[in-house]
């Protein structure tokens, strides 16, 4: 690279890449909220042993959520 070439700290992303980045972050945020909600309902975090535990984790299901960014496949944790 020449010394005359200006450098920027971050290059702008093409619209398609930006959309995919937003979709990925949205999916991660929703899945984390679902995990936190289940931990609160069960009274214990994953792999945590407590006497106050109100139930147990029972795997996860894949569900589709339609958003403005298009359909999102989410991993929804289950409890029993």
N, C-alpha and C. Protein backbone atom coordinates (compact mmCIF):
# COMPACT_ATOMS: atom_id res chain seq x y z
N UNK A 1 0.84 -1.17 0.00
CA UNK A 1 0.00 0.00 0.00
C UNK A 1 0.89 1.23 0.00
N UNK A 2 0.54 2.21 -0.81
CA UNK A 2 1.30 3.46 -0.89
C UNK A 2 1.05 4.30 0.35
N UNK A 3 1.97 5.17 0.63
CA UNK A 3 1.78 6.10 1.73
C UNK A 3 0.73 7.14 1.40
N UNK A 4 0.43 7.32 0.10
CA UNK A 4 -0.58 8.31 -0.32
C UNK A 4 -2.00 7.78 -0.16
N UNK A 5 -2.15 6.47 0.02
CA UNK A 5 -3.48 5.88 0.11
C UNK A 5 -4.04 6.10 1.51
N UNK A 6 -5.21 6.76 1.60
CA UNK A 6 -5.79 6.96 2.94
C UNK A 6 -6.30 5.63 3.49
N UNK A 7 -6.12 5.43 4.77
CA UNK A 7 -6.62 4.22 5.41
C UNK A 7 -7.74 4.60 6.35
N UNK A 8 -8.71 3.73 6.45
CA UNK A 8 -9.81 3.94 7.38
C UNK A 8 -9.80 2.78 8.36
N UNK A 9 -10.20 3.03 9.59
CA UNK A 9 -10.18 1.96 10.59
C UNK A 9 -11.13 0.82 10.26
N UNK A 10 -12.25 1.12 9.63
CA UNK A 10 -13.17 0.04 9.25
C UNK A 10 -13.78 0.38 7.89
N UNK A 11 -13.81 -0.62 7.06
CA UNK A 11 -14.36 -0.45 5.72
C UNK A 11 -15.87 -0.67 5.78
N UNK A 12 -16.65 0.08 5.02
CA UNK A 12 -18.09 -0.14 5.01
C UNK A 12 -18.41 -1.51 4.42
N UNK A 13 -19.40 -2.16 5.00
CA UNK A 13 -19.82 -3.48 4.53
C UNK A 13 -20.85 -3.34 3.42
N UNK A 14 -20.83 -4.26 2.45
CA UNK A 14 -21.91 -4.28 1.47
C UNK A 14 -23.24 -4.56 2.19
N UNK A 15 -24.33 -4.14 1.60
CA UNK A 15 -25.65 -4.27 2.23
C UNK A 15 -25.98 -5.72 2.57
N UNK A 16 -25.63 -6.67 1.70
CA UNK A 16 -25.94 -8.08 1.96
C UNK A 16 -25.17 -8.58 3.19
N UNK A 17 -23.90 -8.20 3.31
CA UNK A 17 -23.11 -8.62 4.46
C UNK A 17 -23.63 -7.99 5.75
N UNK A 18 -24.04 -6.75 5.67
CA UNK A 18 -24.58 -6.05 6.83
C UNK A 18 -25.88 -6.72 7.29
N UNK A 19 -26.72 -7.08 6.33
CA UNK A 19 -27.98 -7.75 6.66
C UNK A 19 -27.71 -9.09 7.36
N UNK A 20 -26.75 -9.85 6.86
CA UNK A 20 -26.41 -11.14 7.48
C UNK A 20 -25.83 -10.94 8.88
N UNK A 21 -25.03 -9.91 9.06
CA UNK A 21 -24.47 -9.61 10.37
C UNK A 21 -25.59 -9.28 11.36
N UNK A 22 -26.54 -8.47 10.94
CA UNK A 22 -27.67 -8.10 11.80
C UNK A 22 -28.51 -9.33 12.12
N UNK A 23 -28.77 -10.16 11.13
CA UNK A 23 -29.55 -11.38 11.36
C UNK A 23 -28.88 -12.29 12.38
N UNK A 24 -27.56 -12.44 12.25
CA UNK A 24 -26.83 -13.30 13.18
C UNK A 24 -26.87 -12.76 14.60
N UNK A 25 -26.67 -11.46 14.74
CA UNK A 25 -26.69 -10.84 16.07
C UNK A 25 -28.09 -10.90 16.68
N UNK A 26 -29.12 -10.71 15.86
CA UNK A 26 -30.49 -10.80 16.33
C UNK A 26 -30.79 -12.20 16.85
N UNK A 27 -30.38 -13.22 16.09
CA UNK A 27 -30.59 -14.61 16.50
C UNK A 27 -29.88 -14.89 17.82
N UNK A 28 -28.62 -14.46 17.93
CA UNK A 28 -27.85 -14.69 19.16
C UNK A 28 -28.52 -14.02 20.36
N UNK A 29 -29.00 -12.80 20.18
CA UNK A 29 -29.63 -12.06 21.28
C UNK A 29 -30.91 -12.75 21.74
N UNK A 30 -31.74 -13.18 20.80
CA UNK A 30 -33.00 -13.84 21.16
C UNK A 30 -32.72 -15.16 21.85
N UNK A 31 -31.77 -15.94 21.34
CA UNK A 31 -31.44 -17.22 21.96
C UNK A 31 -30.90 -17.03 23.37
N UNK A 32 -30.10 -15.99 23.59
CA UNK A 32 -29.58 -15.72 24.93
C UNK A 32 -30.71 -15.34 25.88
N UNK A 33 -31.66 -14.54 25.40
CA UNK A 33 -32.82 -14.18 26.23
C UNK A 33 -33.63 -15.42 26.61
N UNK A 34 -33.81 -16.34 25.66
CA UNK A 34 -34.55 -17.57 25.94
C UNK A 34 -33.81 -18.44 26.96
N UNK A 35 -32.49 -18.52 26.85
CA UNK A 35 -31.68 -19.28 27.83
C UNK A 35 -31.80 -18.66 29.22
N UNK A 36 -31.72 -17.34 29.29
CA UNK A 36 -31.82 -16.65 30.58
C UNK A 36 -33.20 -16.84 31.20
N UNK A 37 -34.24 -16.77 30.38
CA UNK A 37 -35.59 -16.95 30.88
C UNK A 37 -35.80 -18.36 31.43
N UNK A 38 -35.26 -19.37 30.74
CA UNK A 38 -35.39 -20.74 31.22
C UNK A 38 -34.61 -20.92 32.53
N UNK A 39 -33.42 -20.36 32.61
CA UNK A 39 -32.64 -20.46 33.85
C UNK A 39 -33.39 -19.83 35.02
N UNK A 40 -34.05 -18.72 34.77
CA UNK A 40 -34.83 -18.06 35.81
C UNK A 40 -36.03 -18.92 36.22
N UNK A 41 -36.71 -19.51 35.25
CA UNK A 41 -37.87 -20.35 35.54
C UNK A 41 -37.47 -21.62 36.29
N UNK A 42 -36.31 -22.20 35.95
CA UNK A 42 -35.87 -23.43 36.59
C UNK A 42 -35.18 -23.18 37.93
N UNK A 43 -34.71 -21.96 38.13
CA UNK A 43 -34.02 -21.64 39.37
C UNK A 43 -32.57 -22.06 39.39
N UNK A 44 -32.00 -22.37 38.22
CA UNK A 44 -30.60 -22.79 38.15
C UNK A 44 -30.08 -22.58 36.74
N UNK A 45 -28.80 -22.23 36.66
CA UNK A 45 -28.13 -22.09 35.37
C UNK A 45 -27.81 -23.48 34.82
N UNK A 46 -27.43 -23.59 33.56
CA UNK A 46 -27.06 -24.90 33.02
C UNK A 46 -25.92 -25.53 33.84
N UNK A 47 -26.05 -26.80 34.12
CA UNK A 47 -25.06 -27.60 34.87
C UNK A 47 -24.84 -27.12 36.30
N UNK A 48 -25.75 -26.31 36.82
CA UNK A 48 -25.66 -25.84 38.21
C UNK A 48 -26.51 -26.74 39.09
N UNK A 49 -25.94 -27.17 40.20
CA UNK A 49 -26.66 -28.02 41.14
C UNK A 49 -27.10 -27.17 42.33
N UNK A 50 -28.42 -27.09 42.53
CA UNK A 50 -28.96 -26.33 43.65
C UNK A 50 -30.10 -27.11 44.27
N UNK A 51 -30.34 -26.88 45.56
CA UNK A 51 -31.45 -27.53 46.25
C UNK A 51 -32.78 -26.88 45.86
N UNK A 52 -32.73 -25.63 45.39
CA UNK A 52 -33.95 -24.88 45.06
C UNK A 52 -34.42 -25.10 43.64
N UNK A 53 -33.76 -25.96 42.92
CA UNK A 53 -34.07 -26.16 41.50
C UNK A 53 -35.55 -26.52 41.31
N UNK A 54 -36.21 -25.85 40.36
CA UNK A 54 -37.62 -26.08 40.11
C UNK A 54 -37.89 -27.00 38.94
N UNK A 55 -36.88 -27.49 38.27
CA UNK A 55 -37.06 -28.37 37.12
C UNK A 55 -35.71 -28.64 36.47
N UNK A 56 -35.77 -29.26 35.31
CA UNK A 56 -34.54 -29.63 34.60
C UNK A 56 -34.65 -29.25 33.14
N UNK A 57 -33.51 -29.04 32.52
CA UNK A 57 -33.46 -28.78 31.08
C UNK A 57 -33.79 -30.07 30.34
N UNK A 58 -34.40 -29.92 29.19
CA UNK A 58 -34.81 -31.09 28.42
C UNK A 58 -34.52 -30.85 26.94
N UNK A 59 -33.28 -30.51 26.61
CA UNK A 59 -32.89 -30.31 25.22
C UNK A 59 -33.38 -29.00 24.65
N UNK A 60 -33.48 -28.97 23.34
CA UNK A 60 -33.90 -27.75 22.64
C UNK A 60 -34.59 -28.12 21.34
N UNK A 61 -35.44 -27.23 20.88
CA UNK A 61 -36.13 -27.39 19.61
C UNK A 61 -35.71 -26.26 18.68
N UNK A 62 -35.77 -26.51 17.40
CA UNK A 62 -35.53 -25.46 16.41
C UNK A 62 -36.88 -24.92 15.97
N UNK A 63 -37.03 -23.62 16.09
CA UNK A 63 -38.26 -22.95 15.69
C UNK A 63 -37.90 -21.81 14.74
N UNK A 64 -38.84 -21.44 13.89
CA UNK A 64 -38.63 -20.36 12.95
C UNK A 64 -39.42 -19.13 13.40
N UNK A 65 -38.75 -17.98 13.39
CA UNK A 65 -39.37 -16.71 13.74
C UNK A 65 -39.22 -15.78 12.55
N UNK A 66 -40.31 -15.22 12.07
CA UNK A 66 -40.27 -14.31 10.93
C UNK A 66 -40.09 -12.88 11.43
N UNK A 67 -39.04 -12.22 10.95
CA UNK A 67 -38.74 -10.84 11.33
C UNK A 67 -38.64 -9.99 10.07
N UNK A 68 -38.39 -8.70 10.24
CA UNK A 68 -38.19 -7.82 9.09
C UNK A 68 -36.95 -8.21 8.30
N UNK A 69 -36.01 -8.87 8.96
CA UNK A 69 -34.78 -9.32 8.30
C UNK A 69 -34.97 -10.68 7.64
N UNK A 70 -36.17 -11.21 7.67
CA UNK A 70 -36.42 -12.52 7.09
C UNK A 70 -36.60 -13.56 8.19
N UNK A 71 -36.89 -14.81 7.80
CA UNK A 71 -37.09 -15.85 8.80
C UNK A 71 -35.79 -16.18 9.53
N UNK A 72 -35.91 -16.41 10.83
CA UNK A 72 -34.77 -16.76 11.67
C UNK A 72 -35.03 -18.14 12.27
N UNK A 73 -34.08 -19.04 12.14
CA UNK A 73 -34.18 -20.33 12.81
C UNK A 73 -33.53 -20.20 14.18
N UNK A 74 -34.32 -20.41 15.22
CA UNK A 74 -33.86 -20.23 16.59
C UNK A 74 -33.78 -21.57 17.31
N UNK A 75 -32.83 -21.69 18.20
CA UNK A 75 -32.71 -22.85 19.08
C UNK A 75 -33.43 -22.47 20.37
N UNK A 76 -34.57 -23.11 20.63
CA UNK A 76 -35.39 -22.78 21.79
C UNK A 76 -35.19 -23.87 22.85
N UNK A 77 -34.62 -23.52 24.01
CA UNK A 77 -34.38 -24.53 25.05
C UNK A 77 -35.69 -24.98 25.69
N UNK A 78 -35.71 -26.25 26.12
CA UNK A 78 -36.89 -26.81 26.77
C UNK A 78 -36.57 -27.15 28.21
N UNK A 79 -37.57 -27.08 29.04
CA UNK A 79 -37.44 -27.46 30.45
C UNK A 79 -38.59 -28.37 30.83
N UNK A 80 -38.39 -29.10 31.93
CA UNK A 80 -39.48 -29.94 32.44
C UNK A 80 -39.51 -29.87 33.94
